[in-house]
Amino acid sequence: MRIPMTASGIRTGIALGALTAALTTGCAASTSGTATPAPNTDRASTTGPMTTSAASAPTPKPGLPAARNGTDLDACADGNCEIQVDGPTTIPTPGLPRIGGSVTIQQISAQAVTAAAKVFGFPAASTAPAGGTLFLNGLTIKVVAVQGSSAVLRLST
C-alpha cells in the first residue's frame, strides 16, 4: 500500500535522507568551511588550485604511477578521470552539481588522503588510505597511490 506524501513531507524526507547519507558515509562537518593544509616542504606554496596545461606532459613523481590524465584538473569536469595531485587541491567538477561542483583534496599524507565536498549544501569529508576508496554522494575516488604529499586519484561516477 502506498501512502501519499505532501510537498513538505517530501522536502523533509529529502533533507533527512541527505543527513542520513552524510552521517553513514563517514562524513565530517566543518563549521569554518575552510581546510587547513598540512605543512608541505615539497612546494613553495599550497594556496589556490593546481593547474596544468593539457599540452604539457607531466612527469610523475618517483614512486607514483603515471596518471592517465596527468595533472589536468579539467579532465575531471564530468567526475571521470585519473589525475596526480600535489598537496591540497580543488578539483572542479561542474558536471556534478550534487557535490557542489568541486571536490577539495584537503590533505595527503603517507597514511591517508582526505577529500571534501558539499553534499546537498552541507560540508562533507571522507578519508581513505592508499589503495582505499572515498565516497562522496555518487562520486567515487580511488586512492591509487601516495608518495609524500602527492597522490594519484581515480575519480568515477
Protein backbone atom coordinates (compact mmCIF):
# COMPACT_ATOMS: atom_id res chain seq x y z
CA MET A 1 0.00 0.00 0.00
CA ARG A 2 1.37 3.43 -0.93
CA ILE A 3 0.89 6.36 1.41
CA PRO A 4 0.55 9.76 -0.30
CA MET A 5 3.03 12.39 0.86
CA THR A 6 2.62 16.16 0.95
CA ALA A 7 5.19 18.55 -0.58
CA SER A 8 6.52 19.48 2.86
CA GLY A 9 6.80 15.78 3.72
CA ILE A 10 8.85 15.19 0.58
CA ARG A 11 11.20 18.07 1.45
CA THR A 12 11.58 16.74 4.97
CA GLY A 13 12.25 13.24 3.62
CA ILE A 14 14.91 14.54 1.23
CA ALA A 15 16.61 16.53 4.00
CA LEU A 16 16.58 13.53 6.34
CA GLY A 17 17.86 11.28 3.56
CA ALA A 18 20.73 13.68 2.85
CA LEU A 19 21.63 13.89 6.51
CA THR A 20 21.50 10.11 6.87
CA ALA A 21 23.70 9.65 3.78
CA ALA A 22 26.23 12.15 5.10
CA LEU A 23 26.37 10.50 8.50
CA THR A 24 26.61 6.94 7.21
CA THR A 25 29.44 7.61 4.72
CA GLY A 26 31.95 8.74 7.31
CA CYS A 27 31.47 12.42 6.60
CA ALA A 28 32.50 15.14 8.99
CA ALA A 29 31.09 18.63 9.17
CA SER A 30 33.23 21.72 9.30
CA THR A 31 31.92 24.95 10.75
CA SER A 32 34.56 27.18 9.19
CA GLY A 33 34.14 25.95 5.61
CA THR A 34 37.90 26.06 5.00
CA ALA A 35 40.64 23.48 5.24
CA THR A 36 43.95 23.98 6.99
CA PRO A 37 46.55 22.34 4.77
CA ALA A 38 49.32 20.27 6.27
CA PRO A 39 52.82 21.76 6.08
CA ASN A 40 54.33 20.98 2.72
CA THR A 41 58.05 21.27 2.08
CA ASP A 42 57.89 19.91 -1.49
CA ARG A 43 56.31 23.07 -2.95
CA ALA A 44 56.80 26.78 -2.38
CA SER A 45 53.06 27.41 -2.00
CA THR A 46 49.97 25.28 -1.43
CA THR A 47 47.39 28.01 -1.92
CA GLY A 48 44.98 28.04 -4.84
CA PRO A 49 44.05 25.28 -7.23
CA MET A 50 46.73 23.45 -9.15
CA THR A 51 46.53 23.98 -12.88
CA THR A 52 48.46 22.47 -15.76
CA SER A 53 48.14 22.91 -19.47
CA ALA A 54 46.70 19.88 -21.24
CA ALA A 55 49.54 20.18 -23.78
CA SER A 56 52.27 19.60 -21.18
CA ALA A 57 53.36 16.07 -20.44
CA PRO A 58 53.78 15.91 -16.67
CA THR A 59 56.44 13.69 -15.25
CA PRO A 60 55.14 11.50 -12.45
CA LYS A 61 56.95 11.75 -9.12
CA PRO A 62 59.30 8.86 -8.40
CA GLY A 63 57.31 6.10 -6.71
CA LEU A 64 53.97 7.15 -8.28
CA PRO A 65 52.43 5.50 -11.35
CA ALA A 66 51.68 7.81 -14.28
CA ALA A 67 48.13 9.16 -14.06
CA ARG A 68 46.08 8.76 -17.28
CA ASN A 69 45.18 12.48 -17.31
CA GLY A 70 48.42 13.70 -15.74
CA THR A 71 47.76 16.84 -13.70
CA ASP A 72 44.98 18.18 -15.97
CA LEU A 73 42.24 19.00 -13.47
CA ASP A 74 39.84 19.95 -16.28
CA ALA A 75 39.74 16.25 -17.26
CA CYS A 76 37.61 15.70 -14.13
CA ALA A 77 34.75 18.01 -15.21
CA ASP A 78 32.34 15.05 -15.54
CA GLY A 79 33.71 13.21 -12.49
CA ASN A 80 35.63 10.59 -14.51
CA CYS A 81 39.41 10.94 -14.64
CA GLU A 82 42.72 9.78 -13.24
CA ILE A 83 44.99 12.59 -12.06
CA GLN A 84 48.03 13.32 -9.97
CA VAL A 85 47.61 15.98 -7.29
CA ASP A 86 50.40 17.56 -5.28
CA GLY A 87 49.20 18.77 -1.92
CA PRO A 88 45.85 20.39 -1.18
CA THR A 89 43.96 20.89 -4.45
CA THR A 90 40.48 21.91 -5.58
CA ILE A 91 39.24 19.75 -8.46
CA PRO A 92 36.47 21.46 -10.45
CA THR A 93 33.60 19.09 -11.28
CA PRO A 94 30.94 21.34 -12.85
CA GLY A 95 29.20 18.29 -14.30
CA LEU A 96 28.42 17.07 -10.76
CA PRO A 97 26.18 19.68 -9.09
CA ARG A 98 25.13 17.14 -6.42
CA ILE A 99 28.56 17.58 -4.79
CA GLY A 100 28.69 21.35 -5.09
CA GLY A 101 30.60 21.49 -8.38
CA SER A 102 34.04 20.74 -6.92
CA VAL A 103 35.97 18.37 -4.70
CA THR A 104 38.76 19.61 -2.45
CA ILE A 105 41.65 17.34 -1.62
CA GLN A 106 42.34 18.69 1.86
CA GLN A 107 45.29 16.60 2.92
CA ILE A 108 47.63 13.97 1.52
CA SER A 109 49.89 12.02 3.86
CA ALA A 110 51.58 8.65 3.86
CA GLN A 111 48.66 7.33 5.92
CA ALA A 112 45.64 8.76 4.08
CA VAL A 113 44.01 11.18 1.64
CA THR A 114 41.13 13.41 2.80
CA ALA A 115 38.63 14.83 0.30
CA ALA A 116 35.72 17.19 0.95
CA ALA A 117 32.71 18.49 -0.97
CA LYS A 118 29.30 20.00 -0.37
CA VAL A 119 26.57 17.35 -0.21
CA PHE A 120 23.10 18.89 -0.51
CA GLY A 121 24.72 22.14 0.64
CA PHE A 122 26.29 20.59 3.74
CA PRO A 123 30.07 20.16 4.10
CA ALA A 124 31.14 16.52 3.99
CA ALA A 125 34.54 14.84 4.07
CA SER A 126 35.89 11.35 3.69
CA THR A 127 39.33 9.82 4.32
CA ALA A 128 40.95 6.69 2.88
CA PRO A 129 44.44 5.16 2.87
CA ALA A 130 46.47 4.42 -0.27
CA GLY A 131 44.60 1.69 -2.14
CA GLY A 132 41.35 2.69 -0.43
CA THR A 133 38.24 4.40 -1.77
CA LEU A 134 36.44 7.61 -0.80
CA PHE A 135 32.70 8.04 -1.39
CA LEU A 136 31.08 11.49 -1.75
CA ASN A 137 27.42 11.39 -2.85
CA GLY A 138 27.77 9.37 -6.05
CA LEU A 139 31.42 10.26 -6.71
CA THR A 140 33.97 7.54 -6.04
CA ILE A 141 37.61 8.50 -5.52
CA LYS A 142 40.08 5.60 -5.61
CA VAL A 143 43.42 6.43 -3.97
CA VAL A 144 45.66 4.66 -6.48
CA ALA A 145 48.99 5.60 -4.87
CA VAL A 146 50.53 8.07 -2.43
CA GLN A 147 54.11 9.36 -2.34
CA GLY A 148 54.90 12.09 0.19
CA SER A 149 52.36 14.88 -0.32
CA SER A 150 51.36 13.71 -3.83
CA ALA A 151 48.74 11.18 -4.86
CA VAL A 152 47.30 9.57 -7.96
CA LEU A 153 43.49 9.56 -7.74
CA ARG A 154 40.90 7.88 -9.98
CA LEU A 155 37.52 9.65 -9.93
CA SER A 156 34.42 7.93 -11.26
CA THR A 157 30.66 8.37 -11.11
